[in-house]
Structures are given as structure tokens and as C-alpha cells.
Amino acid sequence: MPTSPQPTLASLAEDLASGRTRSVDLVEACLARIEDADGEGARAFSLVDRAGALKAAEGFDALRAAGAAPSPFAGIPIGIKDLFDVAGQVTTAGSKVLADAPPAPRDAPSVARLRKAGFVFIGRNTMTEFAYSGLGLNPHYGSPRAPYDRATGRISGGSTSGGAVAVADGMAHAALGTDTGGSARIPAAFCGIVGFKPTARRVPLDGAFPLSSSLDSIGPMARSVACCAALDAILAGEEPTLLTARPLAGLRLLIPATVALDELDSTVASAFEATIARLSQAGARVTSAPFPEFGEVAGINAKGGFTAAESYAVHRALLAEKAEGYDPRVSVRIKRGADQSAADYLDILAARRALIKRATARLAPYDALVLPTTPVIPPRVADLEGDDAAYGKANLLILRNPTLINMIDGCAISLPVAGEGGAPTGLMLAGPAESDARIFAIAAGIEAVLKG
């Protein structure tokens, strides 16, 4: 893993514009890291498009030389989560049961928008099978390790595991991910990068293999808040604009004292407390108060919630044909959807509508929620791979805080915060639906304080 600070999309764009580097140079450097036998490339990518990436890079270098680059970011290598359709490639969604599926006839809209901006797709990133876990373990394609304590081997978080590791290790300069209950924010927190979950309806879900149509969203992972803001604008079909950091003086932040602070390990707790102290010293007005709506989420999801019901609807025919090919830890969760009745599902829909309405009203006096992204630092792979009970317990705990935001139809970002001994933790900022621009501005202001 690179030890020096790695470039942002803005700095790469400047280097390309000035001629200090070429797209071919960037792609070759990323490929070298992917192919490093001592690195995580074999576990972070299920497919590497060496020839296609180099050809695209040569094309963008020629366009830039002619003054015709489609955007300042043209030629920057990016990883694509394996559940997105890329024209001519098979979308396996991290599973062997789809390995014989026909290649996608066209790009997913999110992929097409990145392609139009000129990003170079260097490969498909590994993920939890069918995106159904927050841990990032995959018995089919490999489980990339988090950068922290790599000699021991710790999980990278899921489900966008390979994308986060690729960005952290310099194998790509950004990654396209999804977030149903933390699938972008959890790996970002565990790998020391930034991950963003937008208001779900802002980015079209077409061409992305679904987990839960009610909760799925598409978001970026990168090395700074500004990187994620630029990518989010492209994904939403908007024009990227200069991100202005919001000053912290007078900022109204709410720490939800219900559920979100339960079972924090000592590293996360101390890092969160220290971070809140810094934000208060910078002028933020931080309040801790109950958030009763968060106390209702576990009950709403007691029978598996939206993810079980909606994933079972997608998978039931495939399970009947190829159940033995699934990761058992994934299929058992999908099959919980078979036990939900139509009445159960309608109850969940009604409960969530009421939850969103009350949570949005509770958030109105504040600029943002602030809470730990995950309650714990990355667990050891060895503690989870052979123990189903430990796996299940860790999965529920690690998904908990991000899921709270998806359930209230919010948007959220995870910022990296180093804990004791350099252990990675995440600081999550969140707001109600359609507050994306505000959350980015606040996150940029907090990022500046934390780096200062």
C-alpha cells in the first residue's frame, strides 16, 4: 500500500491539464499496484481490463493534446463495483451463479455518465455476494484486507469491499459503489477514505443488480469530500461545481443518543469524543439528544425487513435452480424473505413512511446528524470466516448505524478519522432527503478542521 499522501481527483486533473502526467502513466501505475504479487489486487478485482484501460488512456491523452478532453477528469482510472452493467462484460454481482450470464448489452446509466466524463474503467471490484453483508467477505472471488494491520488481516467492510481497498491502495483513484445499509460508508470507514450515500432517488438504479429497491442507492468512494462531491454530481446528471466548505462556527450538529452510540469499542468511542471536542472548539454547537425513531428500526426489520423481502423476490427462481452455488451466509438471509407475507411487507412500507416523516421533523432544527459510521474498528478476518455466529453478530453491529440513515431516506457521508495506533474509524454526517449539497458543504468544513 502506498505510504505517501495520495492524489485527489482535483490534483490529478491539474497534473493532466499541465502535462505533468498522462492518462497512460496513471493507468500503468494503477495496473502495477493491482498486479503486485504482495498486494491486494487479486482480491480487490474480479476482472482487470488492462488492454481496454490502456487503449482508453491513449485516446484521452490524444483528445487532451487536441484540446478536446470531455472533462477535467478525463483519463483518470476508476474501479467499478461488480454489480454494475458495463457494456460487453458479465455482471456477476460477486457470485459464481451468474458467471455464465450473457454480457451486458449496454452501460448502466451511472456507468455511462462516468464514461461520458472520461473516467477510465480499470476493472470490476470485488464485493460481498449480491451486496448482502457489511463485512466484505466473499468465498468466490476473495476478501480484500483493510490497509490497517494487514499482517493480521482485517475485513475491509462491505459490500463495496474491493472498491475501497483499490482506492486506499492506489489501484484506482475512485470507485463506483452502492449503499443499501452502508455498503459505501462502511468500507470507506474501514479503509481510511471517504464514502458518500446520496438521497437514493438522485441517481438512477437501472443497470445495477438490486438488493433492495426501497433502500438501494448509488454513491462514490474516493480520497476527499470534494472528490465525492464531483463524482456525485456526475452520477446525478448534474454539472460539477466548486465545493465551498461551510464554516463550523454556529453549525448545529445533533448526536443521536438512541442506538447509535451503543456498543462502541474503546477506539471508536475515544476517536469520536476527540473529534466532537475539536468540532466544538471550532465553533460548532453540538447537542446530544434522544432520537426515538432510531429505536424503532430494529423492530421494523425484525423479520428481515426490505432487504430480505425484496431480495427474495429477485432471487427465488435462481435459488430454486442454483442454491448450492450461493454463499450460505448470503442465501440464508435472502431466504428469510420467504417467511414474510404480503401483509408483513405492507406493514414495513407503512412503518417506514411514518418513520421518515417523524425523523425529518426531528432533524429540522439541526444542520446535520453526527455519529460514528461503525461502532467498531475492522474485525479480524480469522475471527469471522469460520464462525457463523460471530459473523452474524458482527454483521448486524457494523451495519447498524448506516442502516439507520437509509431507513429514514437520508443522505450521509463517512469521513476518515484515525484512532489509537492508527486504527481506522469513520465520522458520519447525515441529513434528511435532498440535503445532499448541505451535507457536502458541512463535510468539507469538518474535513478541513480534522486535517488542520
Protein backbone atom coordinates (compact mmCIF):
# COMPACT_ATOMS: atom_id res chain seq x y z
CA MET A 1 0.00 0.00 0.00
CA PRO A 2 1.33 3.49 -0.82
CA THR A 3 2.59 5.28 2.28
CA SER A 4 2.71 8.87 0.97
CA PRO A 5 -0.43 11.01 0.64
CA GLN A 6 -2.32 10.03 -2.48
CA PRO A 7 -3.71 12.46 -5.05
CA THR A 8 -7.25 13.76 -5.22
CA LEU A 9 -9.26 13.98 -8.41
CA ALA A 10 -8.64 17.73 -8.49
CA SER A 11 -4.86 17.35 -8.22
CA LEU A 12 -4.86 14.64 -10.87
CA ALA A 13 -6.91 16.87 -13.16
CA GLU A 14 -4.37 19.67 -12.67
CA ASP A 15 -1.48 17.32 -13.42
CA LEU A 16 -3.17 16.10 -16.60
CA ALA A 17 -4.02 19.63 -17.73
CA SER A 18 -0.46 20.88 -17.16
CA GLY A 19 1.18 17.91 -18.84
CA ARG A 20 2.92 16.80 -15.64
CA THR A 21 1.39 13.39 -16.20
CA ARG A 22 -0.58 11.48 -18.82
CA SER A 23 -3.55 9.18 -18.53
CA VAL A 24 -1.36 6.31 -19.71
CA ASP A 25 1.02 6.98 -16.81
CA LEU A 26 -1.84 6.93 -14.30
CA VAL A 27 -3.26 3.71 -15.70
CA GLU A 28 0.12 1.98 -15.81
CA ALA A 29 0.79 2.95 -12.17
CA CYS A 30 -2.59 1.58 -11.07
CA LEU A 31 -2.07 -1.63 -13.05
CA ALA A 32 1.33 -2.11 -11.43
CA ARG A 33 -0.25 -1.91 -7.99
CA ILE A 34 -3.04 -4.27 -8.98
CA GLU A 35 -0.52 -6.78 -10.31
CA ASP A 36 1.83 -6.55 -7.33
CA ALA A 37 2.05 -10.11 -6.02
CA ASP A 38 2.37 -8.79 -2.45
CA GLY A 39 -0.68 -6.56 -2.74
CA GLU A 40 -4.45 -6.98 -2.59
CA GLY A 41 -5.14 -6.67 -6.31
CA ALA A 42 -6.15 -10.30 -6.82
CA ARG A 43 -8.75 -9.96 -4.04
CA ALA A 44 -9.87 -6.39 -4.84
CA PHE A 45 -10.64 -7.02 -8.54
CA SER A 46 -12.65 -9.80 -10.14
CA LEU A 47 -11.73 -8.51 -13.59
CA VAL A 48 -8.93 -6.20 -14.72
CA ASP A 49 -9.33 -4.66 -18.17
CA ARG A 50 -5.66 -3.96 -18.85
CA ALA A 51 -5.96 -3.68 -22.62
CA GLY A 52 -9.18 -1.66 -22.55
CA ALA A 53 -7.90 0.74 -19.89
CA LEU A 54 -4.63 1.42 -21.74
CA LYS A 55 -6.46 1.93 -25.03
CA ALA A 56 -8.88 4.38 -23.39
CA ALA A 57 -5.98 6.21 -21.72
CA GLU A 58 -4.18 6.62 -25.04
CA GLY A 59 -7.37 8.03 -26.54
CA PHE A 60 -7.87 10.57 -23.76
CA ASP A 61 -4.24 11.66 -23.96
CA ALA A 62 -4.76 12.32 -27.66
CA LEU A 63 -8.00 14.21 -27.01
CA ARG A 64 -6.37 16.35 -24.33
CA ALA A 65 -3.46 17.15 -26.64
CA ALA A 66 -6.02 18.32 -29.20
CA GLY A 67 -7.86 20.41 -26.61
CA ALA A 68 -10.90 18.13 -26.77
CA ALA A 69 -10.91 16.33 -23.41
CA PRO A 70 -14.55 15.76 -22.39
CA SER A 71 -13.94 16.91 -18.81
CA PRO A 72 -11.03 17.82 -16.49
CA PHE A 73 -11.23 14.27 -15.13
CA ALA A 74 -10.83 12.55 -18.49
CA GLY A 75 -8.22 9.82 -18.27
CA ILE A 76 -8.39 9.16 -14.51
CA PRO A 77 -8.64 5.42 -13.63
CA ILE A 78 -11.68 4.34 -11.61
CA GLY A 79 -12.95 1.00 -10.30
CA ILE A 80 -16.50 -0.24 -10.90
CA LYS A 81 -18.33 -2.43 -8.39
CA ASP A 82 -19.14 -5.82 -9.89
CA LEU A 83 -22.91 -5.32 -9.73
CA PHE A 84 -22.96 -2.57 -12.40
CA ASP A 85 -23.58 -3.33 -16.05
CA VAL A 86 -20.65 -2.40 -18.27
CA ALA A 87 -21.28 -3.00 -21.96
CA GLY A 88 -19.66 -6.24 -23.09
CA GLN A 89 -18.88 -7.50 -19.58
CA VAL A 90 -20.69 -10.10 -17.46
CA THR A 91 -22.27 -8.67 -14.31
CA THR A 92 -21.67 -11.36 -11.68
CA ALA A 93 -22.59 -9.27 -8.60
CA GLY A 94 -19.89 -11.13 -6.69
CA SER A 95 -21.48 -14.54 -7.32
CA LYS A 96 -20.49 -17.64 -9.25
CA VAL A 97 -24.13 -18.39 -10.07
CA LEU A 98 -24.15 -15.52 -12.60
CA ALA A 99 -20.78 -16.35 -14.16
CA ASP A 100 -22.47 -17.84 -17.23
CA ALA A 101 -24.83 -14.90 -17.74
CA PRO A 102 -24.63 -13.07 -21.08
CA PRO A 103 -22.53 -9.88 -21.22
CA ALA A 104 -24.38 -6.64 -20.55
CA PRO A 105 -25.65 -5.07 -23.78
CA ARG A 106 -25.18 -1.52 -22.50
CA ASP A 107 -23.74 0.50 -19.64
CA ALA A 108 -25.78 1.25 -16.55
CA PRO A 109 -26.75 4.96 -16.58
CA SER A 110 -24.32 5.68 -13.72
CA VAL A 111 -21.51 3.95 -15.62
CA ALA A 112 -22.45 5.76 -18.84
CA ARG A 113 -22.25 9.13 -17.06
CA LEU A 114 -18.77 8.36 -15.74
CA ARG A 115 -17.71 7.17 -19.18
CA LYS A 116 -19.03 10.38 -20.76
CA ALA A 117 -16.92 12.39 -18.30
CA GLY A 118 -13.88 10.44 -19.46
CA PHE A 119 -13.07 8.23 -16.50
CA VAL A 120 -11.08 5.12 -17.43
CA PHE A 121 -12.60 1.87 -16.16
CA ILE A 122 -9.66 -0.15 -14.94
CA GLY A 123 -11.65 -3.14 -13.71
CA ARG A 124 -14.50 -4.65 -11.75
CA ASN A 125 -14.15 -4.53 -7.98
CA THR A 126 -14.97 -7.49 -5.78
CA MET A 127 -17.86 -7.29 -3.36
CA THR A 128 -19.91 -9.29 -0.92
CA GLU A 129 -22.05 -11.73 -2.93
CA PHE A 130 -25.16 -9.89 -4.13
CA ALA A 131 -24.20 -6.98 -1.82
CA TYR A 132 -25.83 -8.75 1.12
CA SER A 133 -23.40 -8.10 4.01
CA GLY A 134 -21.50 -5.26 5.60
CA LEU A 135 -18.34 -7.29 6.22
CA GLY A 136 -16.80 -7.70 2.76
CA LEU A 137 -16.07 -11.43 2.86
CA ASN A 138 -16.54 -13.35 -0.39
CA PRO A 139 -15.69 -17.07 -0.71
CA HIS A 140 -15.89 -16.98 -4.51
CA TYR A 141 -13.66 -14.07 -5.59
CA GLY A 142 -11.70 -13.27 -2.45
CA SER A 143 -11.93 -10.97 0.54
CA PRO A 144 -9.58 -7.97 0.31
CA ARG A 145 -7.95 -6.91 3.56
CA ALA A 146 -8.21 -3.43 5.03
CA PRO A 147 -4.98 -1.39 4.91
CA TYR A 148 -4.82 -1.29 8.72
CA ASP A 149 -2.96 -4.17 10.40
CA ARG A 150 -2.67 -6.04 7.13
CA ALA A 151 -0.22 -8.54 8.59
CA THR A 152 -3.01 -9.74 10.87
CA GLY A 153 -5.70 -9.46 8.21
CA ARG A 154 -8.79 -7.38 8.96
CA ILE A 155 -12.00 -7.08 6.98
CA SER A 156 -12.36 -4.19 4.55
CA GLY A 157 -16.11 -3.84 5.07
CA GLY A 158 -18.92 -4.46 2.63
CA SER A 159 -20.39 -4.69 0.40
CA THR A 160 -18.17 -2.44 -1.77
CA SER A 161 -15.04 -4.06 -0.35
CA GLY A 162 -12.79 -4.21 -3.41
CA GLY A 163 -13.57 -0.63 -4.39
CA ALA A 164 -12.50 0.79 -1.03
CA VAL A 165 -9.27 -1.22 -0.95
CA ALA A 166 -8.50 -0.25 -4.54
CA VAL A 167 -8.76 3.45 -3.71
CA ALA A 168 -6.85 3.14 -0.44
CA ASP A 169 -4.03 1.19 -2.09
CA GLY A 170 -3.73 3.33 -5.22
CA MET A 171 -5.11 0.68 -7.59
CA ALA A 172 -7.76 3.19 -8.70
CA HIS A 173 -8.32 6.85 -7.88
CA ALA A 174 -12.02 6.47 -7.10
CA ALA A 175 -14.64 3.73 -7.09
CA LEU A 176 -18.29 3.45 -8.01
CA GLY A 177 -20.26 1.74 -5.28
CA THR A 178 -23.72 1.23 -3.88
CA ASP A 179 -25.21 1.75 -0.44
CA THR A 180 -28.29 -0.08 0.86
CA GLY A 181 -27.35 -0.15 4.52
CA GLY A 182 -23.80 1.19 4.50
CA SER A 183 -22.15 -0.58 1.56
CA ALA A 184 -20.16 2.54 0.59
CA ARG A 185 -19.72 4.14 4.01
CA ILE A 186 -18.60 1.04 5.93
CA PRO A 187 -15.71 0.12 3.59
CA ALA A 188 -14.74 3.79 3.45
CA ALA A 189 -14.55 3.92 7.25
CA PHE A 190 -12.55 0.69 7.47
CA CYS A 191 -10.13 1.70 4.68
CA GLY A 192 -9.48 5.32 5.66
CA ILE A 193 -11.21 7.03 2.72
CA VAL A 194 -14.43 9.00 2.09
CA GLY A 195 -17.70 7.33 1.09
CA PHE A 196 -20.99 9.00 0.19
CA LYS A 197 -24.59 7.75 0.20
CA PRO A 198 -26.83 10.16 -1.72
CA THR A 199 -30.54 10.69 -1.47
CA ALA A 200 -31.46 7.46 -3.22
CA ARG A 201 -33.62 8.86 -5.99
CA ARG A 202 -30.95 11.27 -7.23
CA VAL A 203 -29.02 8.55 -9.14
CA PRO A 204 -30.85 6.05 -11.38
CA LEU A 205 -30.62 2.43 -10.22
CA ASP A 206 -31.08 0.90 -13.67
CA GLY A 207 -28.31 -1.48 -14.65
CA ALA A 208 -27.25 -2.14 -11.06
CA PHE A 209 -28.10 -5.61 -9.74
CA PRO A 210 -30.64 -4.91 -6.96
CA LEU A 211 -30.51 -5.81 -3.30
CA SER A 212 -33.46 -3.76 -2.04
CA SER A 213 -35.32 -1.47 -4.40
CA SER A 214 -36.63 0.51 -1.43
CA LEU A 215 -33.21 1.19 0.10
CA ASP A 216 -30.60 0.91 -2.68
CA SER A 217 -28.59 3.98 -3.64
CA ILE A 218 -25.51 4.57 -5.81
CA GLY A 219 -22.57 6.55 -4.49
CA PRO A 220 -18.84 7.16 -4.84
CA MET A 221 -15.81 6.37 -2.73
CA ALA A 222 -12.69 8.50 -3.06
CA ARG A 223 -9.99 10.36 -1.11
CA SER A 224 -11.68 13.62 -0.22
CA VAL A 225 -15.06 15.22 0.23
CA ALA A 226 -14.53 17.28 -2.93
CA CYS A 227 -13.74 14.10 -4.90
CA CYS A 228 -17.02 12.52 -3.80
CA ALA A 229 -18.97 15.72 -4.48
CA ALA A 230 -17.64 15.90 -8.05
CA LEU A 231 -18.42 12.24 -8.69
CA ASP A 232 -21.87 12.54 -7.12
CA ALA A 233 -22.74 15.44 -9.44
CA ILE A 234 -21.72 13.40 -12.47
CA LEU A 235 -23.69 10.37 -11.28
CA ALA A 236 -26.78 12.51 -10.68
CA GLY A 237 -26.52 14.05 -14.14
CA GLU A 238 -25.56 17.45 -12.75
CA GLU A 239 -22.68 19.77 -13.61
CA PRO A 240 -19.85 19.54 -11.04
CA THR A 241 -19.37 22.87 -9.28
CA LEU A 242 -16.76 24.21 -6.91
CA LEU A 243 -17.46 22.90 -3.40
CA THR A 244 -17.46 25.63 -0.77
CA ALA A 245 -16.73 24.45 2.75
CA ARG A 246 -19.22 25.61 5.34
CA PRO A 247 -17.66 27.32 8.39
CA LEU A 248 -18.15 25.41 11.61
CA ALA A 249 -18.93 28.49 13.70
CA GLY A 250 -22.59 28.27 14.67
CA LEU A 251 -23.12 24.93 12.93
CA ARG A 252 -25.91 22.96 14.63
CA LEU A 253 -24.96 19.29 14.97
CA LEU A 254 -27.03 16.60 16.67
CA ILE A 255 -25.57 13.45 18.19
CA PRO A 256 -28.40 10.87 18.27
CA ALA A 257 -28.19 9.30 21.72
CA THR A 258 -30.58 6.49 20.83
CA VAL A 259 -28.95 3.27 19.47
CA ALA A 260 -26.15 4.99 17.53
CA LEU A 261 -23.74 5.17 20.48
CA ASP A 262 -24.43 1.69 21.82
CA GLU A 263 -21.63 -0.91 21.97
CA LEU A 264 -18.84 1.36 20.76
CA ASP A 265 -15.42 -0.17 21.17
CA SER A 266 -12.86 1.91 23.07
CA THR A 267 -11.02 3.04 19.93
CA VAL A 268 -14.16 4.29 18.18
CA ALA A 269 -15.51 5.90 21.36
CA SER A 270 -12.32 7.83 22.10
CA ALA A 271 -11.85 8.92 18.47
CA PHE A 272 -15.46 10.11 18.28
CA GLU A 273 -15.22 12.02 21.55
CA ALA A 274 -11.96 13.68 20.47
CA THR A 275 -13.44 14.63 17.12
CA ILE A 276 -16.55 16.14 18.69
CA ALA A 277 -14.31 18.15 21.02
CA ARG A 278 -12.41 19.54 18.01
CA LEU A 279 -15.62 20.47 16.25
CA SER A 280 -16.89 22.23 19.37
CA GLN A 281 -13.62 24.12 19.72
CA ALA A 282 -14.01 25.24 16.10
CA GLY A 283 -17.37 26.78 16.94
CA ALA A 284 -19.89 24.05 16.17
CA ARG A 285 -22.86 23.83 18.51
CA VAL A 286 -23.10 20.13 19.28
CA THR A 287 -26.16 18.73 21.04
CA SER A 288 -26.70 15.17 22.23
CA ALA A 289 -30.34 14.14 22.47
CA PRO A 290 -32.59 11.09 22.12
CA PHE A 291 -33.67 10.12 18.61
CA PRO A 292 -36.60 7.78 19.27
CA GLU A 293 -37.09 6.89 15.61
CA PHE A 294 -33.76 5.06 15.59
CA GLY A 295 -35.05 2.88 18.39
CA GLU A 296 -37.82 1.62 16.10
CA VAL A 297 -35.65 0.41 13.22
CA ALA A 298 -34.67 -2.98 14.65
CA GLY A 299 -38.32 -3.83 15.28
CA ILE A 300 -39.36 -2.82 11.77
CA ASN A 301 -36.63 -5.09 10.37
CA ALA A 302 -37.24 -7.98 12.78
CA LYS A 303 -38.35 -10.36 10.02
CA GLY A 304 -35.58 -9.33 7.64
CA GLY A 305 -37.07 -6.04 6.52
CA PHE A 306 -36.96 -4.71 2.99
CA THR A 307 -33.68 -6.42 2.11
CA ALA A 308 -34.98 -9.93 2.78
CA ALA A 309 -38.36 -9.39 1.14
CA GLU A 310 -37.11 -7.59 -1.94
CA SER A 311 -34.00 -9.71 -2.50
CA TYR A 312 -36.06 -12.89 -2.22
CA ALA A 313 -38.36 -11.60 -4.95
CA VAL A 314 -35.28 -11.15 -7.18
CA HIS A 315 -33.58 -14.45 -6.27
CA ARG A 316 -36.29 -17.03 -5.71
CA ALA A 317 -36.10 -18.54 -9.23
CA LEU A 318 -32.29 -18.51 -9.20
CA LEU A 319 -32.22 -20.06 -5.73
CA ALA A 320 -34.50 -22.85 -6.90
CA GLU A 321 -32.07 -23.62 -9.71
CA LYS A 322 -28.63 -22.91 -8.22
CA ALA A 323 -28.90 -22.64 -4.44
CA GLU A 324 -25.76 -24.73 -3.92
CA GLY A 325 -23.69 -22.08 -5.72
CA TYR A 326 -24.56 -19.30 -3.26
CA ASP A 327 -22.50 -18.28 -0.26
CA PRO A 328 -24.60 -19.94 2.51
CA ARG A 329 -24.24 -16.84 4.69
CA VAL A 330 -25.92 -14.83 1.94
CA SER A 331 -28.59 -17.30 0.84
CA VAL A 332 -29.83 -17.84 4.39
CA ARG A 333 -30.56 -14.13 4.69
CA ILE A 334 -32.25 -13.94 1.30
CA LYS A 335 -34.47 -16.91 2.18
CA ARG A 336 -35.86 -15.02 5.18
CA GLY A 337 -37.93 -13.14 2.63
CA ALA A 338 -39.95 -16.31 2.01
CA ASP A 339 -41.31 -16.06 5.54
CA GLN A 340 -42.75 -12.58 5.06
CA SER A 341 -46.36 -12.27 3.98
CA ALA A 342 -47.78 -9.56 1.77
CA ALA A 343 -49.31 -8.05 4.92
CA ASP A 344 -45.87 -8.03 6.59
CA TYR A 345 -44.41 -6.16 3.64
CA LEU A 346 -47.21 -3.61 3.61
CA ASP A 347 -46.68 -3.09 7.34
CA ILE A 348 -42.99 -2.34 6.73
CA LEU A 349 -43.84 0.15 3.99
CA ALA A 350 -46.29 1.97 6.26
CA ALA A 351 -43.90 1.92 9.22
CA ARG A 352 -41.10 3.40 7.14
CA ARG A 353 -43.29 6.18 5.76
CA ALA A 354 -44.22 7.20 9.29
CA LEU A 355 -40.59 6.86 10.40
CA ILE A 356 -39.34 9.15 7.63
CA LYS A 357 -41.94 11.81 8.42
CA ARG A 358 -41.12 11.93 12.13
CA ALA A 359 -37.34 11.70 11.68
CA THR A 360 -37.37 14.51 9.12
CA ALA A 361 -39.29 16.72 11.54
CA ARG A 362 -36.87 15.88 14.36
CA LEU A 363 -33.92 16.86 12.16
CA ALA A 364 -35.39 20.20 11.13
CA PRO A 365 -33.73 22.33 13.88
CA TYR A 366 -30.27 20.96 13.05
CA ASP A 367 -27.84 21.24 10.15
CA ALA A 368 -26.74 17.61 10.36
CA LEU A 369 -26.58 14.45 12.42
CA VAL A 370 -23.11 13.36 13.55
CA LEU A 371 -22.36 9.81 14.73
CA PRO A 372 -19.76 7.05 14.34
CA THR A 373 -20.01 5.30 10.97
CA THR A 374 -19.43 1.93 12.64
CA PRO A 375 -19.30 1.06 16.35
CA VAL A 376 -16.05 -0.93 15.97
CA ILE A 377 -12.78 -0.95 14.07
CA PRO A 378 -12.38 -3.67 11.41
CA PRO A 379 -12.57 -7.14 13.00
CA ARG A 380 -10.01 -9.80 12.15
CA VAL A 381 -10.88 -11.94 9.14
CA ALA A 382 -9.86 -15.09 11.02
CA ASP A 383 -12.43 -14.38 13.75
CA LEU A 384 -15.31 -14.33 11.25
CA GLU A 385 -14.52 -16.72 8.41
CA GLY A 386 -15.10 -19.93 10.37
CA ASP A 387 -17.69 -18.80 12.90
CA ASP A 388 -21.24 -18.21 11.67
CA ALA A 389 -22.40 -16.79 14.98
CA ALA A 390 -19.54 -14.29 15.15
CA TYR A 391 -20.15 -13.39 11.51
CA GLY A 392 -23.83 -12.72 12.10
CA LYS A 393 -23.26 -10.67 15.24
CA ALA A 394 -20.54 -8.55 13.64
CA ASN A 395 -22.61 -8.03 10.50
CA LEU A 396 -25.62 -6.70 12.39
CA LEU A 397 -23.48 -4.43 14.56
CA ILE A 398 -21.43 -2.98 11.70
CA LEU A 399 -24.46 -2.34 9.50
CA ARG A 400 -26.47 -0.76 12.31
CA ASN A 401 -25.60 2.94 12.17
CA PRO A 402 -25.53 3.32 8.38
CA THR A 403 -28.83 1.44 8.10
CA LEU A 404 -30.49 4.00 10.36
CA ILE A 405 -29.91 6.65 7.69
CA ASN A 406 -31.16 4.51 4.80
CA MET A 407 -34.33 3.74 6.74
CA ILE A 408 -35.13 7.46 7.17
CA ASP A 409 -34.43 8.09 3.46
CA GLY A 410 -31.45 10.28 4.28
CA CYS A 411 -28.12 11.08 2.71
CA ALA A 412 -24.80 10.65 4.51
CA ILE A 413 -21.04 10.78 4.19
CA SER A 414 -18.29 8.96 6.11
CA LEU A 415 -15.06 10.84 6.82
CA PRO A 416 -11.88 9.03 7.91
CA VAL A 417 -10.71 9.58 11.48
CA ALA A 418 -7.61 7.83 12.80
CA GLY A 419 -7.99 6.20 16.18
CA GLU A 420 -5.42 4.92 18.63
CA GLY A 421 -2.46 3.32 16.89
CA GLY A 422 -3.76 4.47 13.52
CA ALA A 423 -6.82 2.23 13.66
CA PRO A 424 -9.44 3.45 11.16
CA THR A 425 -12.74 4.88 12.32
CA GLY A 426 -15.39 6.83 10.47
CA LEU A 427 -17.26 10.00 11.30
CA MET A 428 -20.69 10.00 9.67
CA LEU A 429 -22.59 13.18 8.84
CA ALA A 430 -26.17 12.75 7.74
CA GLY A 431 -29.27 14.70 6.85
CA PRO A 432 -32.76 14.15 5.51
CA ALA A 433 -33.56 13.50 1.87
CA GLU A 434 -32.43 16.19 -0.59
CA SER A 435 -29.96 17.77 1.85
CA ASP A 436 -27.00 16.36 -0.13
CA ALA A 437 -25.48 19.74 -1.02
CA ARG A 438 -25.62 20.89 2.61
CA ILE A 439 -24.03 17.66 3.86
CA PHE A 440 -21.18 18.02 1.36
CA ALA A 441 -20.54 21.63 2.42
CA ILE A 442 -20.55 20.73 6.11
CA ALA A 443 -18.34 17.70 5.47
CA ALA A 444 -15.83 19.88 3.61
CA GLY A 445 -15.69 22.25 6.57
CA ILE A 446 -15.20 19.40 9.04
CA GLU A 447 -12.60 17.76 6.79
CA ALA A 448 -10.57 20.99 6.83
CA VAL A 449 -10.68 21.13 10.63
CA LEU A 450 -9.68 17.49 11.02
CA LYS A 451 -6.75 17.92 8.65
CA GLY A 452 -5.68 21.22 10.19
